[in-house]
Amino acid sequence: MSQLWRAAKRQLDAHEEHLADLPKGSAASEADAKALATLARTIRELVAIDEPASGRKDKQTDDLSAADGLRHVAQLREDLARRLEALVAAETGEASEGVGADGAA
């Protein structure tokens, strides 16, 4: 892991040197911006890998269980079906019984 950090540091130092060598008043190129974005993403990923295991466990407990996820998906499908029916009814000029124009019952 330390090798990855050293490599990222070398790349960052090289990028900083390159930017410092640019003539005064000139802007960095699009390639420079992309390189910096890639370095930032790399460092963010390295930080995430180094994150303590206890922090990751807390994150996992926030996730839905499989059963909760299925219930959530079923509810989303029902809501979507109601809204689609309301849109079809509005398009054809018919009023869907018990459903408003926004899809709410």
N, C-alpha and C. Protein backbone atom coordinates (compact mmCIF):
# COMPACT_ATOMS: atom_id res chain seq x y z
N MET A 1 0.82 -1.18 0.00
CA MET A 1 0.00 0.00 0.00
C MET A 1 0.87 1.26 0.00
N SER A 2 1.96 1.21 0.72
CA SER A 2 2.83 2.38 0.78
C SER A 2 3.44 2.68 -0.59
N GLN A 3 3.63 1.65 -1.41
CA GLN A 3 4.15 1.87 -2.76
C GLN A 3 3.14 2.67 -3.59
N LEU A 4 1.87 2.39 -3.41
CA LEU A 4 0.84 3.13 -4.14
C LEU A 4 0.83 4.60 -3.72
N TRP A 5 0.97 4.82 -2.41
CA TRP A 5 1.00 6.20 -1.92
C TRP A 5 2.22 6.95 -2.46
N ARG A 6 3.37 6.27 -2.49
CA ARG A 6 4.58 6.91 -3.01
C ARG A 6 4.43 7.23 -4.49
N ALA A 7 3.84 6.31 -5.23
CA ALA A 7 3.63 6.55 -6.67
C ALA A 7 2.69 7.73 -6.89
N ALA A 8 1.64 7.81 -6.11
CA ALA A 8 0.71 8.93 -6.23
C ALA A 8 1.41 10.24 -5.88
N LYS A 9 2.24 10.22 -4.85
CA LYS A 9 2.98 11.42 -4.44
C LYS A 9 3.94 11.86 -5.54
N ARG A 10 4.64 10.89 -6.16
CA ARG A 10 5.55 11.22 -7.26
C ARG A 10 4.79 11.87 -8.42
N GLN A 11 3.66 11.31 -8.76
CA GLN A 11 2.85 11.86 -9.85
C GLN A 11 2.36 13.27 -9.52
N LEU A 12 1.93 13.46 -8.29
CA LEU A 12 1.47 14.79 -7.87
C LEU A 12 2.61 15.80 -7.90
N ASP A 13 3.78 15.40 -7.42
CA ASP A 13 4.94 16.30 -7.46
C ASP A 13 5.31 16.66 -8.89
N ALA A 14 5.29 15.66 -9.79
CA ALA A 14 5.63 15.91 -11.19
C ALA A 14 4.61 16.86 -11.83
N HIS A 15 3.34 16.68 -11.47
CA HIS A 15 2.30 17.54 -12.02
C HIS A 15 2.47 18.98 -11.51
N GLU A 16 2.79 19.11 -10.23
CA GLU A 16 3.00 20.45 -9.67
C GLU A 16 4.19 21.13 -10.34
N GLU A 17 5.26 20.39 -10.59
CA GLU A 17 6.43 20.95 -11.27
C GLU A 17 6.06 21.42 -12.67
N HIS A 18 5.30 20.60 -13.37
CA HIS A 18 4.87 20.94 -14.72
C HIS A 18 4.05 22.24 -14.71
N LEU A 19 3.13 22.35 -13.77
CA LEU A 19 2.31 23.56 -13.69
C LEU A 19 3.15 24.77 -13.31
N ALA A 20 4.14 24.58 -12.45
CA ALA A 20 5.02 25.69 -12.06
C ALA A 20 5.88 26.17 -13.22
N ASP A 21 6.18 25.27 -14.17
CA ASP A 21 7.00 25.63 -15.33
C ASP A 21 6.23 26.35 -16.42
N LEU A 22 4.91 26.40 -16.31
CA LEU A 22 4.11 27.10 -17.32
C LEU A 22 4.42 28.59 -17.28
N PRO A 23 4.44 29.26 -18.44
CA PRO A 23 4.68 30.70 -18.46
C PRO A 23 3.61 31.44 -17.65
N LYS A 24 4.03 32.54 -17.03
CA LYS A 24 3.08 33.32 -16.22
C LYS A 24 1.92 33.78 -17.08
N GLY A 25 0.74 33.70 -16.51
CA GLY A 25 -0.46 34.15 -17.21
C GLY A 25 -1.08 33.11 -18.11
N SER A 26 -0.40 32.00 -18.35
CA SER A 26 -0.98 30.97 -19.21
C SER A 26 -1.78 30.00 -18.34
N ALA A 27 -2.82 29.48 -18.93
CA ALA A 27 -3.69 28.54 -18.20
C ALA A 27 -3.24 27.12 -18.46
N ALA A 28 -3.59 26.26 -17.55
CA ALA A 28 -3.29 24.84 -17.73
C ALA A 28 -4.16 24.29 -18.85
N SER A 29 -3.67 23.28 -19.53
CA SER A 29 -4.41 22.68 -20.63
C SER A 29 -5.49 21.74 -20.12
N GLU A 30 -6.32 21.29 -21.03
CA GLU A 30 -7.35 20.32 -20.67
C GLU A 30 -6.71 19.01 -20.21
N ALA A 31 -5.60 18.65 -20.83
CA ALA A 31 -4.88 17.44 -20.43
C ALA A 31 -4.37 17.57 -18.99
N ASP A 32 -3.91 18.77 -18.62
CA ASP A 32 -3.47 19.00 -17.24
C ASP A 32 -4.64 18.85 -16.27
N ALA A 33 -5.79 19.37 -16.65
CA ALA A 33 -6.97 19.27 -15.79
C ALA A 33 -7.39 17.82 -15.62
N LYS A 34 -7.34 17.05 -16.72
CA LYS A 34 -7.70 15.63 -16.64
C LYS A 34 -6.71 14.86 -15.77
N ALA A 35 -5.44 15.19 -15.90
CA ALA A 35 -4.42 14.51 -15.09
C ALA A 35 -4.64 14.80 -13.61
N LEU A 36 -4.95 16.05 -13.30
CA LEU A 36 -5.21 16.41 -11.91
C LEU A 36 -6.45 15.71 -11.38
N ALA A 37 -7.49 15.61 -12.19
CA ALA A 37 -8.70 14.91 -11.78
C ALA A 37 -8.41 13.43 -11.52
N THR A 38 -7.59 12.84 -12.36
CA THR A 38 -7.22 11.43 -12.16
C THR A 38 -6.43 11.26 -10.87
N LEU A 39 -5.51 12.17 -10.61
CA LEU A 39 -4.74 12.11 -9.36
C LEU A 39 -5.65 12.26 -8.15
N ALA A 40 -6.60 13.17 -8.22
CA ALA A 40 -7.53 13.37 -7.11
C ALA A 40 -8.35 12.11 -6.86
N ARG A 41 -8.81 11.48 -7.95
CA ARG A 41 -9.59 10.24 -7.81
C ARG A 41 -8.73 9.13 -7.23
N THR A 42 -7.49 9.04 -7.66
CA THR A 42 -6.58 8.02 -7.12
C THR A 42 -6.37 8.21 -5.62
N ILE A 43 -6.15 9.44 -5.21
CA ILE A 43 -5.92 9.70 -3.79
C ILE A 43 -7.18 9.40 -2.99
N ARG A 44 -8.36 9.77 -3.54
CA ARG A 44 -9.61 9.46 -2.86
C ARG A 44 -9.78 7.95 -2.66
N GLU A 45 -9.42 7.19 -3.69
CA GLU A 45 -9.52 5.72 -3.60
C GLU A 45 -8.52 5.17 -2.58
N LEU A 46 -7.32 5.72 -2.55
CA LEU A 46 -6.33 5.25 -1.58
C LEU A 46 -6.78 5.55 -0.16
N VAL A 47 -7.38 6.71 0.05
CA VAL A 47 -7.90 7.05 1.37
C VAL A 47 -9.01 6.07 1.76
N ALA A 48 -9.88 5.74 0.81
CA ALA A 48 -10.97 4.80 1.09
C ALA A 48 -10.43 3.42 1.46
N ILE A 49 -9.36 3.02 0.81
CA ILE A 49 -8.76 1.70 1.12
C ILE A 49 -8.15 1.72 2.52
N ASP A 50 -7.52 2.83 2.87
CA ASP A 50 -6.87 2.94 4.18
C ASP A 50 -7.85 3.18 5.32
N GLU A 51 -9.11 3.45 5.00
CA GLU A 51 -10.12 3.74 6.01
C GLU A 51 -10.18 2.59 7.03
N PRO A 52 -10.32 2.89 8.32
CA PRO A 52 -10.40 1.82 9.31
C PRO A 52 -11.59 0.89 9.06
N ALA A 53 -11.41 -0.36 9.38
CA ALA A 53 -12.46 -1.36 9.16
C ALA A 53 -13.74 -1.01 9.91
N SER A 54 -13.65 -0.39 11.06
CA SER A 54 -14.85 -0.05 11.83
C SER A 54 -15.71 0.94 11.06
N GLY A 55 -15.11 1.84 10.32
CA GLY A 55 -15.87 2.79 9.51
C GLY A 55 -16.64 2.08 8.41
N ARG A 56 -16.05 1.06 7.82
CA ARG A 56 -16.73 0.30 6.78
C ARG A 56 -17.88 -0.50 7.35
N LYS A 57 -17.74 -1.04 8.55
CA LYS A 57 -18.82 -1.82 9.15
C LYS A 57 -20.03 -0.93 9.39
N ASP A 58 -19.81 0.31 9.86
CA ASP A 58 -20.92 1.22 10.07
C ASP A 58 -21.65 1.50 8.76
N LYS A 59 -20.93 1.63 7.68
CA LYS A 59 -21.52 1.88 6.37
C LYS A 59 -22.39 0.72 5.95
N GLN A 60 -21.94 -0.51 6.20
CA GLN A 60 -22.69 -1.68 5.79
C GLN A 60 -24.00 -1.80 6.56
N THR A 61 -24.04 -1.36 7.79
CA THR A 61 -25.27 -1.48 8.56
C THR A 61 -26.32 -0.50 8.07
N ASP A 62 -25.92 0.53 7.31
CA ASP A 62 -26.87 1.47 6.75
C ASP A 62 -27.60 0.90 5.53
N ASP A 63 -27.04 -0.14 4.92
CA ASP A 63 -27.64 -0.71 3.73
C ASP A 63 -28.90 -1.50 4.07
N LEU A 64 -29.83 -1.57 3.10
CA LEU A 64 -31.05 -2.34 3.29
C LEU A 64 -30.74 -3.82 3.27
N SER A 65 -31.51 -4.59 4.05
CA SER A 65 -31.39 -6.05 3.95
C SER A 65 -32.03 -6.46 2.63
N ALA A 66 -31.81 -7.71 2.23
CA ALA A 66 -32.38 -8.18 0.97
C ALA A 66 -33.90 -8.09 0.98
N ALA A 67 -34.53 -8.48 2.08
CA ALA A 67 -35.99 -8.44 2.18
C ALA A 67 -36.49 -7.00 2.13
N ASP A 68 -35.82 -6.09 2.84
CA ASP A 68 -36.22 -4.68 2.81
C ASP A 68 -36.05 -4.11 1.41
N GLY A 69 -34.99 -4.50 0.75
CA GLY A 69 -34.76 -4.03 -0.61
C GLY A 69 -35.85 -4.48 -1.57
N LEU A 70 -36.28 -5.75 -1.44
CA LEU A 70 -37.35 -6.26 -2.30
C LEU A 70 -38.66 -5.53 -2.02
N ARG A 71 -38.95 -5.26 -0.75
CA ARG A 71 -40.17 -4.51 -0.41
C ARG A 71 -40.11 -3.11 -1.00
N HIS A 72 -38.94 -2.50 -0.92
CA HIS A 72 -38.76 -1.16 -1.47
C HIS A 72 -38.97 -1.16 -2.98
N VAL A 73 -38.41 -2.14 -3.67
CA VAL A 73 -38.57 -2.25 -5.12
C VAL A 73 -40.04 -2.47 -5.47
N ALA A 74 -40.74 -3.32 -4.72
CA ALA A 74 -42.15 -3.57 -4.98
C ALA A 74 -42.96 -2.29 -4.83
N GLN A 75 -42.67 -1.50 -3.80
CA GLN A 75 -43.37 -0.23 -3.59
C GLN A 75 -43.08 0.73 -4.73
N LEU A 76 -41.84 0.79 -5.17
CA LEU A 76 -41.49 1.67 -6.30
C LEU A 76 -42.24 1.26 -7.57
N ARG A 77 -42.35 -0.05 -7.79
CA ARG A 77 -43.07 -0.53 -8.98
C ARG A 77 -44.54 -0.15 -8.91
N GLU A 78 -45.14 -0.29 -7.74
CA GLU A 78 -46.55 0.09 -7.58
C GLU A 78 -46.75 1.57 -7.84
N ASP A 79 -45.87 2.40 -7.29
CA ASP A 79 -45.96 3.84 -7.51
C ASP A 79 -45.79 4.18 -8.99
N LEU A 80 -44.84 3.53 -9.63
CA LEU A 80 -44.60 3.77 -11.05
C LEU A 80 -45.81 3.36 -11.88
N ALA A 81 -46.40 2.22 -11.56
CA ALA A 81 -47.59 1.76 -12.29
C ALA A 81 -48.73 2.76 -12.16
N ARG A 82 -48.96 3.28 -10.94
CA ARG A 82 -50.03 4.27 -10.74
C ARG A 82 -49.77 5.53 -11.55
N ARG A 83 -48.53 5.98 -11.55
CA ARG A 83 -48.20 7.20 -12.29
C ARG A 83 -48.32 7.00 -13.80
N LEU A 84 -47.89 5.82 -14.28
CA LEU A 84 -48.03 5.53 -15.71
C LEU A 84 -49.50 5.48 -16.12
N GLU A 85 -50.33 4.87 -15.28
CA GLU A 85 -51.77 4.82 -15.57
C GLU A 85 -52.35 6.24 -15.63
N ALA A 86 -51.92 7.11 -14.73
CA ALA A 86 -52.41 8.48 -14.72
C ALA A 86 -51.96 9.22 -15.98
N LEU A 87 -50.72 8.98 -16.41
CA LEU A 87 -50.24 9.63 -17.63
C LEU A 87 -51.01 9.14 -18.86
N VAL A 88 -51.26 7.84 -18.93
CA VAL A 88 -52.02 7.29 -20.06
C VAL A 88 -53.42 7.88 -20.06
N ALA A 89 -54.04 7.95 -18.90
CA ALA A 89 -55.39 8.51 -18.80
C ALA A 89 -55.39 9.97 -19.22
N ALA A 90 -54.38 10.73 -18.83
CA ALA A 90 -54.31 12.13 -19.20
C ALA A 90 -54.10 12.29 -20.71
N GLU A 91 -53.30 11.41 -21.30
CA GLU A 91 -53.05 11.45 -22.74
C GLU A 91 -54.32 11.14 -23.53
N THR A 92 -55.09 10.18 -23.07
CA THR A 92 -56.29 9.78 -23.80
C THR A 92 -57.50 10.61 -23.41
N GLY A 93 -57.31 11.50 -22.42
CA GLY A 93 -58.40 12.38 -22.01
C GLY A 93 -59.36 11.74 -21.03
N GLU A 94 -59.02 10.58 -20.57
CA GLU A 94 -59.87 9.89 -19.60
C GLU A 94 -59.36 10.16 -18.21
N ALA A 95 -60.24 10.18 -17.25
CA ALA A 95 -59.84 10.34 -15.85
C ALA A 95 -59.78 8.97 -15.22
N SER A 96 -58.64 8.64 -14.67
CA SER A 96 -58.50 7.37 -13.98
C SER A 96 -59.16 7.46 -12.63
N GLU A 97 -60.01 6.53 -12.35
CA GLU A 97 -60.78 6.57 -11.10
C GLU A 97 -59.86 6.46 -9.88
N GLY A 98 -59.93 7.47 -9.00
CA GLY A 98 -59.17 7.45 -7.77
C GLY A 98 -57.72 7.89 -7.91
N VAL A 99 -57.31 8.28 -9.11
CA VAL A 99 -55.93 8.71 -9.31
C VAL A 99 -55.93 10.11 -9.87
N GLY A 100 -55.14 11.01 -9.24
CA GLY A 100 -55.05 12.39 -9.69
C GLY A 100 -54.10 12.51 -10.86
N ALA A 101 -53.99 13.70 -11.43
CA ALA A 101 -53.13 13.92 -12.59
C ALA A 101 -51.67 13.70 -12.28
N ASP A 102 -51.29 13.86 -10.99
CA ASP A 102 -49.90 13.67 -10.61
C ASP A 102 -49.58 12.23 -10.26
N GLY A 103 -50.59 11.34 -10.38
CA GLY A 103 -50.34 9.94 -10.09
C GLY A 103 -50.63 9.59 -8.65
N ALA A 104 -51.01 10.56 -7.81
CA ALA A 104 -51.30 10.27 -6.42
C ALA A 104 -52.71 9.79 -6.28
N ALA A 105 -52.93 8.83 -5.39
CA ALA A 105 -54.27 8.27 -5.19
C ALA A 105 -55.07 9.14 -4.25
